[in-house]
Amino acid sequence: MTLHRRHLLAATLAMPVLRARAAEAKVLRVGFQKAEPTQMAARQHRDLETLLTPLGWDVEWIEFQFGPPMLEAMRVGGIDLGAVGDTPPVFAQAARADLLYVSALRSGSQAILLPPGSPIQTLADLKGKKLAFGRGSSGHNFALKALSKAGLRTTDVEVINLGPADGGAAFQRGAIDAWAIWDPYYALFEQRPGVRILATNANIGEQPSFFMARRAFVQANPAIISNALEAFATSCAWVRGHRDDVSNALSASTGMPLDAMRRVIDRVPAEMVPMTDAIIRSQQDIADRFRAQGLLPVDITIADAVWHPNA
């Protein structure tokens, strides 16, 4: 028997064993954003792996730039669990994505930034100006809330749909008049020469983030989701008690300046909270706001997409 035939025979004989092992493999696929401190701490300290490995589960971490593409990946079955801002779940539900809110997370800061030399002084001055944000992102809702506070609608401004990286580039070269953006990009640009802050979520309104999961995965593996959320709660507690360590680690991993990352972490509550009736109503208000402005194609009911683990 030639060497080639021996290899072929060995591979053929091994295939049933490999298939059996593959069938036994259980993996929780978690989407994350690189500069999000809770998920960074969980990855660094292997909090999820500590709880899930004894149960026969592995954890795979998959990076996304921001929320909408993460939930699109979840919609098509590419990931099982991930944390995003308040707006991506609304658009995902309207697009018939079968996802569930499994926990809320008090999130960091957002701002509307103005480039050097801008004549804009108030939110009302945004009328007729180029306002950039990522469509379907938390920055989108923040922009709508800010415009509403000034008595404006999105039709009163020129909306420029840009993700964070492209938005930063456009802002830097003066191609937009204002930019609705979240941390860490907010922190990265806020102290550059001539940049001004028009508004923040401190005066517009708090916007929580959410852990979202595929409904089919949650229904099949409720204990795994509960364990994962417990691990993230551990990560949150560590972040609250080690803000300098978190800042240093995120600065090293992202390449962002340490002073900017410290501002990000100082502003992060890093606290998980349950899906209360008040939070569900707040999300419903977002959905209704987008629907009223013709930005959602259908009516949605947020309560239909909330996981109740004790039910």
C-alpha atoms as a PDB file:
ATOM      1  CA  MET A   1       0.000   0.000   0.000  1.00  0.00           C
ATOM      2  CA  THR A   2       1.433   3.407  -0.975  1.00  0.00           C
ATOM      3  CA  LEU A   3       1.836   6.263   1.476  1.00  0.00           C
ATOM      4  CA  HIS A   4      -0.945   8.151  -0.294  1.00  0.00           C
ATOM      5  CA  ARG A   5      -3.371   5.221   0.045  1.00  0.00           C
ATOM      6  CA  ARG A   6      -2.464   4.717   3.721  1.00  0.00           C
ATOM      7  CA  HIS A   7      -3.256   8.390   4.412  1.00  0.00           C
ATOM      8  CA  LEU A   8      -6.527   8.114   2.530  1.00  0.00           C
ATOM      9  CA  LEU A   9      -7.514   4.963   4.436  1.00  0.00           C
ATOM     10  CA  ALA A  10      -6.575   6.523   7.777  1.00  0.00           C
ATOM     11  CA  ALA A  11      -8.600   9.619   7.003  1.00  0.00           C
ATOM     12  CA  THR A  12     -11.576   7.513   5.932  1.00  0.00           C
ATOM     13  CA  LEU A  13     -11.458   5.466   9.127  1.00  0.00           C
ATOM     14  CA  ALA A  14     -11.135   8.633  11.252  1.00  0.00           C
ATOM     15  CA  MET A  15     -14.089  10.465   9.696  1.00  0.00           C
ATOM     16  CA  PRO A  16     -16.823   8.847  11.842  1.00  0.00           C
ATOM     17  CA  VAL A  17     -14.853   9.749  14.980  1.00  0.00           C
ATOM     18  CA  LEU A  18     -14.358  13.343  13.803  1.00  0.00           C
ATOM     19  CA  ARG A  19     -18.036  13.654  12.952  1.00  0.00           C
ATOM     20  CA  ALA A  20     -18.979  12.353  16.405  1.00  0.00           C
ATOM     21  CA  ARG A  21     -16.682  14.863  18.089  1.00  0.00           C
ATOM     22  CA  ALA A  22     -18.072  17.693  15.967  1.00  0.00           C
ATOM     23  CA  ALA A  23     -21.604  16.664  16.924  1.00  0.00           C
ATOM     24  CA  GLU A  24     -20.616  16.725  20.604  1.00  0.00           C
ATOM     25  CA  ALA A  25     -19.002  20.183  20.372  1.00  0.00           C
ATOM     26  CA  LYS A  26     -21.130  22.931  21.929  1.00  0.00           C
ATOM     27  CA  VAL A  27     -20.117  26.511  21.285  1.00  0.00           C
ATOM     28  CA  LEU A  28     -21.604  29.794  22.459  1.00  0.00           C
ATOM     29  CA  ARG A  29     -20.743  32.401  19.804  1.00  0.00           C
ATOM     30  CA  VAL A  30     -20.545  35.873  21.356  1.00  0.00           C
ATOM     31  CA  GLY A  31     -20.422  39.093  19.360  1.00  0.00           C
ATOM     32  CA  PHE A  32     -18.416  41.930  20.873  1.00  0.00           C
ATOM     33  CA  GLN A  33     -17.194  45.435  20.172  1.00  0.00           C
ATOM     34  CA  LYS A  34     -13.501  45.898  20.879  1.00  0.00           C
ATOM     35  CA  ALA A  35     -13.718  48.948  23.142  1.00  0.00           C
ATOM     36  CA  GLU A  36     -16.691  47.741  25.214  1.00  0.00           C
ATOM     37  CA  PRO A  37     -15.248  47.328  28.753  1.00  0.00           C
ATOM     38  CA  THR A  38     -17.582  44.645  30.117  1.00  0.00           C
ATOM     39  CA  GLN A  39     -16.896  42.281  27.240  1.00  0.00           C
ATOM     40  CA  MET A  40     -13.187  43.109  27.304  1.00  0.00           C
ATOM     41  CA  ALA A  41     -13.015  42.166  30.981  1.00  0.00           C
ATOM     42  CA  ALA A  42     -14.964  38.966  30.340  1.00  0.00           C
ATOM     43  CA  ARG A  43     -12.597  37.965  27.539  1.00  0.00           C
ATOM     44  CA  GLN A  44      -9.479  38.897  29.492  1.00  0.00           C
ATOM     45  CA  HIS A  45     -10.476  36.967  32.613  1.00  0.00           C
ATOM     46  CA  ARG A  46     -12.285  34.146  30.797  1.00  0.00           C
ATOM     47  CA  ASP A  47     -15.379  34.690  32.937  1.00  0.00           C
ATOM     48  CA  LEU A  48     -17.668  32.939  30.455  1.00  0.00           C
ATOM     49  CA  GLU A  49     -15.281  30.052  29.926  1.00  0.00           C
ATOM     50  CA  THR A  50     -14.972  29.554  33.706  1.00  0.00           C
ATOM     51  CA  LEU A  51     -18.714  28.979  33.997  1.00  0.00           C
ATOM     52  CA  LEU A  52     -19.405  27.233  30.701  1.00  0.00           C
ATOM     53  CA  THR A  53     -16.422  24.907  30.214  1.00  0.00           C
ATOM     54  CA  PRO A  54     -17.472  22.607  33.103  1.00  0.00           C
ATOM     55  CA  LEU A  55     -20.853  22.330  31.362  1.00  0.00           C
ATOM     56  CA  GLY A  56     -19.198  21.121  28.156  1.00  0.00           C
ATOM     57  CA  TRP A  57     -19.372  24.409  26.262  1.00  0.00           C
ATOM     58  CA  ASP A  58     -16.717  26.435  24.449  1.00  0.00           C
ATOM     59  CA  VAL A  59     -16.920  30.181  23.821  1.00  0.00           C
ATOM     60  CA  GLU A  60     -16.104  31.820  20.485  1.00  0.00           C
ATOM     61  CA  TRP A  61     -15.683  35.623  20.404  1.00  0.00           C
ATOM     62  CA  ILE A  62     -16.489  37.453  17.149  1.00  0.00           C
ATOM     63  CA  GLU A  63     -15.719  41.160  16.736  1.00  0.00           C
ATOM     64  CA  PHE A  64     -18.020  43.788  15.178  1.00  0.00           C
ATOM     65  CA  GLN A  65     -17.515  47.518  14.652  1.00  0.00           C
ATOM     66  CA  PHE A  66     -20.991  48.435  15.932  1.00  0.00           C
ATOM     67  CA  GLY A  67     -24.468  47.099  16.666  1.00  0.00           C
ATOM     68  CA  PRO A  68     -26.421  46.810  13.383  1.00  0.00           C
ATOM     69  CA  PRO A  69     -23.998  44.388  11.662  1.00  0.00           C
ATOM     70  CA  MET A  70     -23.779  42.377  14.875  1.00  0.00           C
ATOM     71  CA  LEU A  71     -27.542  41.868  14.997  1.00  0.00           C
ATOM     72  CA  GLU A  72     -27.649  41.105  11.276  1.00  0.00           C
ATOM     73  CA  ALA A  73     -25.136  38.325  11.934  1.00  0.00           C
ATOM     74  CA  MET A  74     -27.322  37.134  14.790  1.00  0.00           C
ATOM     75  CA  ARG A  75     -30.416  37.254  12.593  1.00  0.00           C
ATOM     76  CA  VAL A  76     -28.848  34.867  10.068  1.00  0.00           C
ATOM     77  CA  GLY A  77     -27.531  32.529  12.765  1.00  0.00           C
ATOM     78  CA  GLY A  78     -23.884  33.631  12.764  1.00  0.00           C
ATOM     79  CA  ILE A  79     -23.719  34.434  16.496  1.00  0.00           C
ATOM     80  CA  ASP A  80     -25.836  33.576  19.527  1.00  0.00           C
ATOM     81  CA  LEU A  81     -25.379  36.431  22.006  1.00  0.00           C
ATOM     82  CA  GLY A  82     -24.075  40.008  21.984  1.00  0.00           C
ATOM     83  CA  ALA A  83     -24.406  43.478  23.508  1.00  0.00           C
ATOM     84  CA  VAL A  84     -25.617  46.457  21.450  1.00  0.00           C
ATOM     85  CA  GLY A  85     -27.102  49.917  21.974  1.00  0.00           C
ATOM     86  CA  ASP A  86     -30.791  50.711  22.263  1.00  0.00           C
ATOM     87  CA  THR A  87     -31.641  51.206  18.589  1.00  0.00           C
ATOM     88  CA  PRO A  88     -30.262  48.181  16.672  1.00  0.00           C
ATOM     89  CA  PRO A  89     -32.733  45.772  18.357  1.00  0.00           C
ATOM     90  CA  VAL A  90     -35.667  47.927  17.220  1.00  0.00           C
ATOM     91  CA  PHE A  91     -34.592  47.790  13.576  1.00  0.00           C
ATOM     92  CA  ALA A  92     -33.799  44.085  13.864  1.00  0.00           C
ATOM     93  CA  GLN A  93     -37.248  43.297  15.246  1.00  0.00           C
ATOM     94  CA  ALA A  94     -38.874  45.335  12.488  1.00  0.00           C
ATOM     95  CA  ALA A  95     -36.880  43.269   9.989  1.00  0.00           C
ATOM     96  CA  ARG A  96     -38.415  40.093  11.467  1.00  0.00           C
ATOM     97  CA  ALA A  97     -35.227  38.995  13.215  1.00  0.00           C
ATOM     98  CA  ASP A  98     -36.242  36.414  15.819  1.00  0.00           C
ATOM     99  CA  LEU A  99     -34.142  37.785  18.671  1.00  0.00           C
ATOM    100  CA  LEU A 100     -34.723  38.340  22.378  1.00  0.00           C
ATOM    101  CA  TYR A 101     -33.722  40.984  24.889  1.00  0.00           C
ATOM    102  CA  VAL A 102     -32.128  38.912  27.673  1.00  0.00           C
ATOM    103  CA  SER A 103     -30.737  41.716  29.884  1.00  0.00           C
ATOM    104  CA  ALA A 104     -30.171  45.452  29.972  1.00  0.00           C
ATOM    105  CA  LEU A 105     -26.876  47.203  30.609  1.00  0.00           C
ATOM    106  CA  ARG A 106     -26.399  50.783  31.724  1.00  0.00           C
ATOM    107  CA  SER A 107     -24.178  52.115  28.981  1.00  0.00           C
ATOM    108  CA  GLY A 108     -21.645  54.850  28.376  1.00  0.00           C
ATOM    109  CA  SER A 109     -21.916  58.311  26.884  1.00  0.00           C
ATOM    110  CA  GLN A 110     -22.983  59.813  23.570  1.00  0.00           C
ATOM    111  CA  ALA A 111     -22.544  63.298  22.178  1.00  0.00           C
ATOM    112  CA  ILE A 112     -23.173  65.508  19.202  1.00  0.00           C
ATOM    113  CA  LEU A 113     -19.772  66.897  18.246  1.00  0.00           C
ATOM    114  CA  LEU A 114     -19.091  70.014  16.193  1.00  0.00           C
ATOM    115  CA  PRO A 115     -15.960  70.443  14.051  1.00  0.00           C
ATOM    116  CA  PRO A 116     -13.536  73.349  14.452  1.00  0.00           C
ATOM    117  CA  GLY A 117     -14.941  76.679  13.266  1.00  0.00           C
ATOM    118  CA  SER A 118     -18.582  75.563  13.407  1.00  0.00           C
ATOM    119  CA  PRO A 119     -21.082  78.432  13.765  1.00  0.00           C
ATOM    120  CA  ILE A 120     -23.654  76.140  15.422  1.00  0.00           C
ATOM    121  CA  GLN A 121     -24.545  77.197  18.962  1.00  0.00           C
ATOM    122  CA  THR A 122     -27.817  75.400  19.748  1.00  0.00           C
ATOM    123  CA  LEU A 123     -29.630  72.251  18.685  1.00  0.00           C
ATOM    124  CA  ALA A 124     -32.040  74.412  16.695  1.00  0.00           C
ATOM    125  CA  ASP A 125     -29.081  75.590  14.611  1.00  0.00           C
ATOM    126  CA  LEU A 126     -28.792  72.072  13.171  1.00  0.00           C
ATOM    127  CA  LYS A 127     -31.670  72.880  10.804  1.00  0.00           C
ATOM    128  CA  GLY A 128     -30.472  72.507   7.234  1.00  0.00           C
ATOM    129  CA  LYS A 129     -27.071  71.161   8.329  1.00  0.00           C
ATOM    130  CA  LYS A 130     -25.336  67.857   7.603  1.00  0.00           C
ATOM    131  CA  LEU A 131     -25.819  65.619  10.647  1.00  0.00           C
ATOM    132  CA  ALA A 132     -24.029  62.263  10.560  1.00  0.00           C
ATOM    133  CA  PHE A 133     -24.817  59.065  12.466  1.00  0.00           C
ATOM    134  CA  GLY A 134     -24.999  55.352  11.785  1.00  0.00           C
ATOM    135  CA  ARG A 135     -28.457  54.366  10.589  1.00  0.00           C
ATOM    136  CA  GLY A 136     -30.034  51.979  13.076  1.00  0.00           C
ATOM    137  CA  SER A 137     -27.347  52.661  15.692  1.00  0.00           C
ATOM    138  CA  SER A 138     -27.825  54.125  19.167  1.00  0.00           C
ATOM    139  CA  GLY A 139     -26.447  57.343  17.680  1.00  0.00           C
ATOM    140  CA  HIS A 140     -29.492  57.408  15.403  1.00  0.00           C
ATOM    141  CA  ASN A 141     -31.902  57.445  18.333  1.00  0.00           C
ATOM    142  CA  PHE A 142     -29.742  59.940  20.209  1.00  0.00           C
ATOM    143  CA  ALA A 143     -29.861  62.257  17.193  1.00  0.00           C
ATOM    144  CA  LEU A 144     -33.647  61.948  16.942  1.00  0.00           C
ATOM    145  CA  LYS A 145     -34.074  62.723  20.636  1.00  0.00           C
ATOM    146  CA  ALA A 146     -31.782  65.738  20.368  1.00  0.00           C
ATOM    147  CA  LEU A 147     -33.609  67.060  17.292  1.00  0.00           C
ATOM    148  CA  SER A 148     -36.969  66.516  18.975  1.00  0.00           C
ATOM    149  CA  LYS A 149     -35.808  68.541  21.977  1.00  0.00           C
ATOM    150  CA  ALA A 150     -35.195  71.431  19.564  1.00  0.00           C
ATOM    151  CA  GLY A 151     -38.543  70.932  17.820  1.00  0.00           C
ATOM    152  CA  LEU A 152     -36.896  69.465  14.709  1.00  0.00           C
ATOM    153  CA  ARG A 153     -37.398  66.288  12.698  1.00  0.00           C
ATOM    154  CA  THR A 154     -34.884  64.341  10.630  1.00  0.00           C
ATOM    155  CA  THR A 155     -36.399  65.968   7.532  1.00  0.00           C
ATOM    156  CA  ASP A 156     -35.148  69.317   8.887  1.00  0.00           C
ATOM    157  CA  VAL A 157     -31.498  68.217   8.585  1.00  0.00           C
ATOM    158  CA  GLU A 158     -29.429  66.540   5.899  1.00  0.00           C
ATOM    159  CA  VAL A 159     -28.884  63.064   7.280  1.00  0.00           C
ATOM    160  CA  ILE A 160     -25.507  61.516   6.470  1.00  0.00           C
ATOM    161  CA  ASN A 161     -25.489  57.773   7.164  1.00  0.00           C
ATOM    162  CA  LEU A 162     -21.984  56.843   8.351  1.00  0.00           C
ATOM    163  CA  GLY A 163     -20.616  54.142  10.629  1.00  0.00           C
ATOM    164  CA  PRO A 164     -18.153  55.197  13.328  1.00  0.00           C
ATOM    165  CA  ALA A 165     -14.942  54.832  11.310  1.00  0.00           C
ATOM    166  CA  ASP A 166     -16.302  56.645   8.245  1.00  0.00           C
ATOM    167  CA  GLY A 167     -18.003  59.224  10.460  1.00  0.00           C
ATOM    168  CA  GLY A 168     -14.712  59.999  12.169  1.00  0.00           C
ATOM    169  CA  ALA A 169     -12.969  60.467   8.837  1.00  0.00           C
ATOM    170  CA  ALA A 170     -15.732  62.754   7.535  1.00  0.00           C
ATOM    171  CA  PHE A 171     -15.708  64.769  10.747  1.00  0.00           C
ATOM    172  CA  GLN A 172     -11.946  65.175  10.627  1.00  0.00           C
ATOM    173  CA  ARG A 173     -11.921  66.536   7.086  1.00  0.00           C
ATOM    174  CA  GLY A 174     -14.880  68.883   7.736  1.00  0.00           C
ATOM    175  CA  ALA A 175     -17.296  67.082   5.402  1.00  0.00           C
ATOM    176  CA  ILE A 176     -20.146  67.125   7.955  1.00  0.00           C
ATOM    177  CA  ASP A 177     -21.553  69.836  10.228  1.00  0.00           C
ATOM    178  CA  ALA A 178     -22.259  67.647  13.256  1.00  0.00           C
ATOM    179  CA  TRP A 179     -21.725  64.058  14.343  1.00  0.00           C
ATOM    180  CA  ALA A 180     -23.867  62.020  16.749  1.00  0.00           C
ATOM    181  CA  ILE A 181     -21.503  59.421  18.181  1.00  0.00           C
ATOM    182  CA  TRP A 182     -20.882  57.269  21.220  1.00  0.00           C
ATOM    183  CA  ASP A 183     -17.839  56.409  23.300  1.00  0.00           C
ATOM    184  CA  PRO A 184     -15.011  55.595  22.661  1.00  0.00           C
ATOM    185  CA  TYR A 185     -15.190  57.692  19.462  1.00  0.00           C
ATOM    186  CA  TYR A 186     -16.716  60.585  21.414  1.00  0.00           C
ATOM    187  CA  ALA A 187     -13.757  60.520  23.825  1.00  0.00           C
ATOM    188  CA  LEU A 188     -11.273  60.213  20.977  1.00  0.00           C
ATOM    189  CA  PHE A 189     -12.444  63.431  19.279  1.00  0.00           C
ATOM    190  CA  GLU A 190     -13.863  65.609  22.061  1.00  0.00           C
ATOM    191  CA  GLN A 191     -10.569  67.248  23.116  1.00  0.00           C
ATOM    192  CA  ARG A 192      -9.112  67.801  19.668  1.00  0.00           C
ATOM    193  CA  PRO A 193      -8.360  71.480  18.950  1.00  0.00           C
ATOM    194  CA  GLY A 194     -11.481  73.447  18.079  1.00  0.00           C
ATOM    195  CA  VAL A 195     -13.946  70.555  18.574  1.00  0.00           C
ATOM    196  CA  ARG A 196     -17.024  71.472  20.629  1.00  0.00           C
ATOM    197  CA  ILE A 197     -19.749  69.387  22.286  1.00  0.00           C
ATOM    198  CA  LEU A 198     -23.258  70.503  21.337  1.00  0.00           C
ATOM    199  CA  ALA A 199     -25.143  68.003  23.513  1.00  0.00           C
ATOM    200  CA  THR A 200     -24.607  64.767  25.459  1.00  0.00           C
ATOM    201  CA  ASN A 201     -26.932  62.094  26.746  1.00  0.00           C
ATOM    202  CA  ALA A 202     -26.560  63.690  30.184  1.00  0.00           C
ATOM    203  CA  ASN A 203     -28.942  66.431  28.987  1.00  0.00           C
ATOM    204  CA  ILE A 204     -30.821  64.489  26.293  1.00  0.00           C
ATOM    205  CA  GLY A 205     -31.582  61.276  28.209  1.00  0.00           C
ATOM    206  CA  GLU A 206     -29.941  58.021  29.257  1.00  0.00           C
ATOM    207  CA  GLN A 207     -29.813  55.226  26.697  1.00  0.00           C
ATOM    208  CA  PRO A 208     -29.254  51.686  27.973  1.00  0.00           C
ATOM    209  CA  SER A 209     -27.579  48.922  26.029  1.00  0.00           C
ATOM    210  CA  PHE A 210     -28.886  45.376  25.787  1.00  0.00           C
ATOM    211  CA  PHE A 211     -27.702  41.818  25.658  1.00  0.00           C
ATOM    212  CA  MET A 212     -29.535  40.249  22.742  1.00  0.00           C
ATOM    213  CA  ALA A 213     -29.708  36.569  21.830  1.00  0.00           C
ATOM    214  CA  ARG A 214     -31.222  34.336  19.174  1.00  0.00           C
ATOM    215  CA  ARG A 215     -34.652  33.174  20.334  1.00  0.00           C
ATOM    216  CA  ALA A 216     -34.032  29.612  19.129  1.00  0.00           C
ATOM    217  CA  PHE A 217     -30.761  29.435  21.062  1.00  0.00           C
ATOM    218  CA  VAL A 218     -32.334  30.827  24.241  1.00  0.00           C
ATOM    219  CA  GLN A 219     -35.233  28.413  24.084  1.00  0.00           C
ATOM    220  CA  ALA A 220     -32.884  25.459  23.555  1.00  0.00           C
ATOM    221  CA  ASN A 221     -30.266  26.566  26.105  1.00  0.00           C
ATOM    222  CA  PRO A 222     -31.786  28.813  28.793  1.00  0.00           C
ATOM    223  CA  ALA A 223     -29.272  27.707  31.436  1.00  0.00           C
ATOM    224  CA  ILE A 224     -26.350  28.637  29.175  1.00  0.00           C
ATOM    225  CA  ILE A 225     -27.753  32.142  28.657  1.00  0.00           C
ATOM    226  CA  SER A 226     -28.302  32.514  32.411  1.00  0.00           C
ATOM    227  CA  ASN A 227     -24.713  31.441  33.071  1.00  0.00           C
ATOM    228  CA  ALA A 228     -23.382  33.816  30.428  1.00  0.00           C
ATOM    229  CA  LEU A 229     -25.275  36.731  31.968  1.00  0.00           C
ATOM    230  CA  GLU A 230     -23.939  35.781  35.384  1.00  0.00           C
ATOM    231  CA  ALA A 231     -20.418  35.874  33.944  1.00  0.00           C
ATOM    232  CA  PHE A 232     -21.005  39.318  32.445  1.00  0.00           C
ATOM    233  CA  ALA A 233     -22.317  40.560  35.803  1.00  0.00           C
ATOM    234  CA  THR A 234     -19.013  39.417  37.318  1.00  0.00           C
ATOM    235  CA  SER A 235     -17.182  41.330  34.588  1.00  0.00           C
ATOM    236  CA  CYS A 236     -19.199  44.486  35.312  1.00  0.00           C
ATOM    237  CA  ALA A 237     -18.293  44.332  38.988  1.00  0.00           C
ATOM    238  CA  TRP A 238     -14.613  43.979  38.123  1.00  0.00           C
ATOM    239  CA  VAL A 239     -14.761  46.974  35.764  1.00  0.00           C
ATOM    240  CA  ARG A 240     -16.347  49.158  38.459  1.00  0.00           C
ATOM    241  CA  GLY A 241     -13.573  48.286  40.902  1.00  0.00           C
ATOM    242  CA  HIS A 242     -10.615  48.470  38.481  1.00  0.00           C
ATOM    243  CA  ARG A 243     -11.222  51.431  36.177  1.00  0.00           C
ATOM    244  CA  ASP A 244      -7.520  52.281  35.828  1.00  0.00           C
ATOM    245  CA  ASP A 245      -6.676  48.684  34.912  1.00  0.00           C
ATOM    246  CA  VAL A 246      -9.503  48.600  32.374  1.00  0.00           C
ATOM    247  CA  SER A 247      -8.384  51.895  30.835  1.00  0.00           C
ATOM    248  CA  ASN A 248      -4.815  50.658  30.491  1.00  0.00           C
ATOM    249  CA  ALA A 249      -5.886  47.330  28.977  1.00  0.00           C
ATOM    250  CA  LEU A 250      -8.279  48.887  26.465  1.00  0.00           C
ATOM    251  CA  SER A 251      -5.764  51.533  25.451  1.00  0.00           C
ATOM    252  CA  ALA A 252      -3.202  48.812  24.788  1.00  0.00           C
ATOM    253  CA  SER A 253      -5.629  46.586  22.849  1.00  0.00           C
ATOM    254  CA  THR A 254      -7.281  49.311  20.754  1.00  0.00           C
ATOM    255  CA  GLY A 255      -4.334  51.667  20.255  1.00  0.00           C
ATOM    256  CA  MET A 256      -6.434  54.574  21.514  1.00  0.00           C
ATOM    257  CA  PRO A 257      -4.720  57.236  23.673  1.00  0.00           C
ATOM    258  CA  LEU A 258      -4.806  56.419  27.362  1.00  0.00           C
ATOM    259  CA  ASP A 259      -6.336  59.764  28.370  1.00  0.00           C
ATOM    260  CA  ALA A 260      -9.262  59.205  25.977  1.00  0.00           C
ATOM    261  CA  MET A 261      -9.813  55.675  27.222  1.00  0.00           C
ATOM    262  CA  ARG A 262      -9.802  56.878  30.815  1.00  0.00           C
ATOM    263  CA  ARG A 263     -12.593  59.322  29.993  1.00  0.00           C
ATOM    264  CA  VAL A 264     -14.552  56.465  28.431  1.00  0.00           C
ATOM    265  CA  ILE A 265     -14.187  54.219  31.460  1.00  0.00           C
ATOM    266  CA  ASP A 266     -14.898  57.014  33.940  1.00  0.00           C
ATOM    267  CA  ARG A 267     -18.251  57.547  32.177  1.00  0.00           C
ATOM    268  CA  VAL A 268     -19.253  53.868  32.039  1.00  0.00           C
ATOM    269  CA  PRO A 269     -21.694  52.739  34.766  1.00  0.00           C
ATOM    270  CA  ALA A 270     -20.822  49.069  34.045  1.00  0.00           C
ATOM    271  CA  GLU A 271     -24.012  47.804  35.631  1.00  0.00           C
ATOM    272  CA  MET A 272     -26.373  45.112  34.390  1.00  0.00           C
ATOM    273  CA  VAL A 273     -30.063  45.600  35.117  1.00  0.00           C
ATOM    274  CA  PRO A 274     -33.122  43.414  34.496  1.00  0.00           C
ATOM    275  CA  MET A 275     -35.630  44.064  31.722  1.00  0.00           C
ATOM    276  CA  THR A 276     -38.086  46.063  33.818  1.00  0.00           C
ATOM    277  CA  ASP A 277     -41.426  47.384  32.604  1.00  0.00           C
ATOM    278  CA  ALA A 278     -39.909  50.887  32.540  1.00  0.00           C
ATOM    279  CA  ILE A 279     -37.061  49.788  30.273  1.00  0.00           C
ATOM    280  CA  ILE A 280     -39.472  47.942  27.984  1.00  0.00           C
ATOM    281  CA  ARG A 281     -41.633  51.101  27.756  1.00  0.00           C
ATOM    282  CA  SER A 282     -38.529  53.147  26.973  1.00  0.00           C
ATOM    283  CA  GLN A 283     -37.684  50.808  24.086  1.00  0.00           C
ATOM    284  CA  GLN A 284     -41.279  50.955  22.892  1.00  0.00           C
ATOM    285  CA  ASP A 285     -41.014  54.754  22.846  1.00  0.00           C
ATOM    286  CA  ILE A 286     -37.987  54.429  20.542  1.00  0.00           C
ATOM    287  CA  ALA A 287     -39.868  52.086  18.219  1.00  0.00           C
ATOM    288  CA  ASP A 288     -42.887  54.395  18.145  1.00  0.00           C
ATOM    289  CA  ARG A 289     -40.667  57.429  17.468  1.00  0.00           C
ATOM    290  CA  PHE A 290     -39.014  55.742  14.500  1.00  0.00           C
ATOM    291  CA  ARG A 291     -42.339  54.469  13.200  1.00  0.00           C
ATOM    292  CA  ALA A 292     -43.938  57.917  13.441  1.00  0.00           C
ATOM    293  CA  GLN A 293     -41.140  59.364  11.332  1.00  0.00           C
ATOM    294  CA  GLY A 294     -41.521  56.639   8.717  1.00  0.00           C
ATOM    295  CA  LEU A 295     -38.185  55.035   9.583  1.00  0.00           C
ATOM    296  CA  LEU A 296     -39.633  51.639  10.553  1.00  0.00           C
ATOM    297  CA  PRO A 297     -41.635  49.696   7.970  1.00  0.00           C
ATOM    298  CA  VAL A 298     -44.011  48.078  10.484  1.00  0.00           C
ATOM    299  CA  ASP A 299     -45.361  48.492  14.002  1.00  0.00           C
ATOM    300  CA  ILE A 300     -43.550  46.359  16.561  1.00  0.00           C
ATOM    301  CA  THR A 301     -44.212  45.392  20.170  1.00  0.00           C
ATOM    302  CA  ILE A 302     -41.039  45.296  22.253  1.00  0.00           C
ATOM    303  CA  ALA A 303     -42.634  43.138  24.945  1.00  0.00           C
ATOM    304  CA  ASP A 304     -42.987  40.320  22.400  1.00  0.00           C
ATOM    305  CA  ALA A 305     -39.179  40.102  22.182  1.00  0.00           C
ATOM    306  CA  VAL A 306     -38.294  40.040  25.901  1.00  0.00           C
ATOM    307  CA  TRP A 307     -37.040  36.877  27.594  1.00  0.00           C
ATOM    308  CA  HIS A 308     -38.629  36.013  30.930  1.00  0.00           C
ATOM    309  CA  PRO A 309     -36.313  33.363  32.384  1.00  0.00           C
ATOM    310  CA  ASN A 310     -38.594  32.525  35.315  1.00  0.00           C
ATOM    311  CA  ALA A 311     -41.767  32.228  33.248  1.00  0.00           C
END
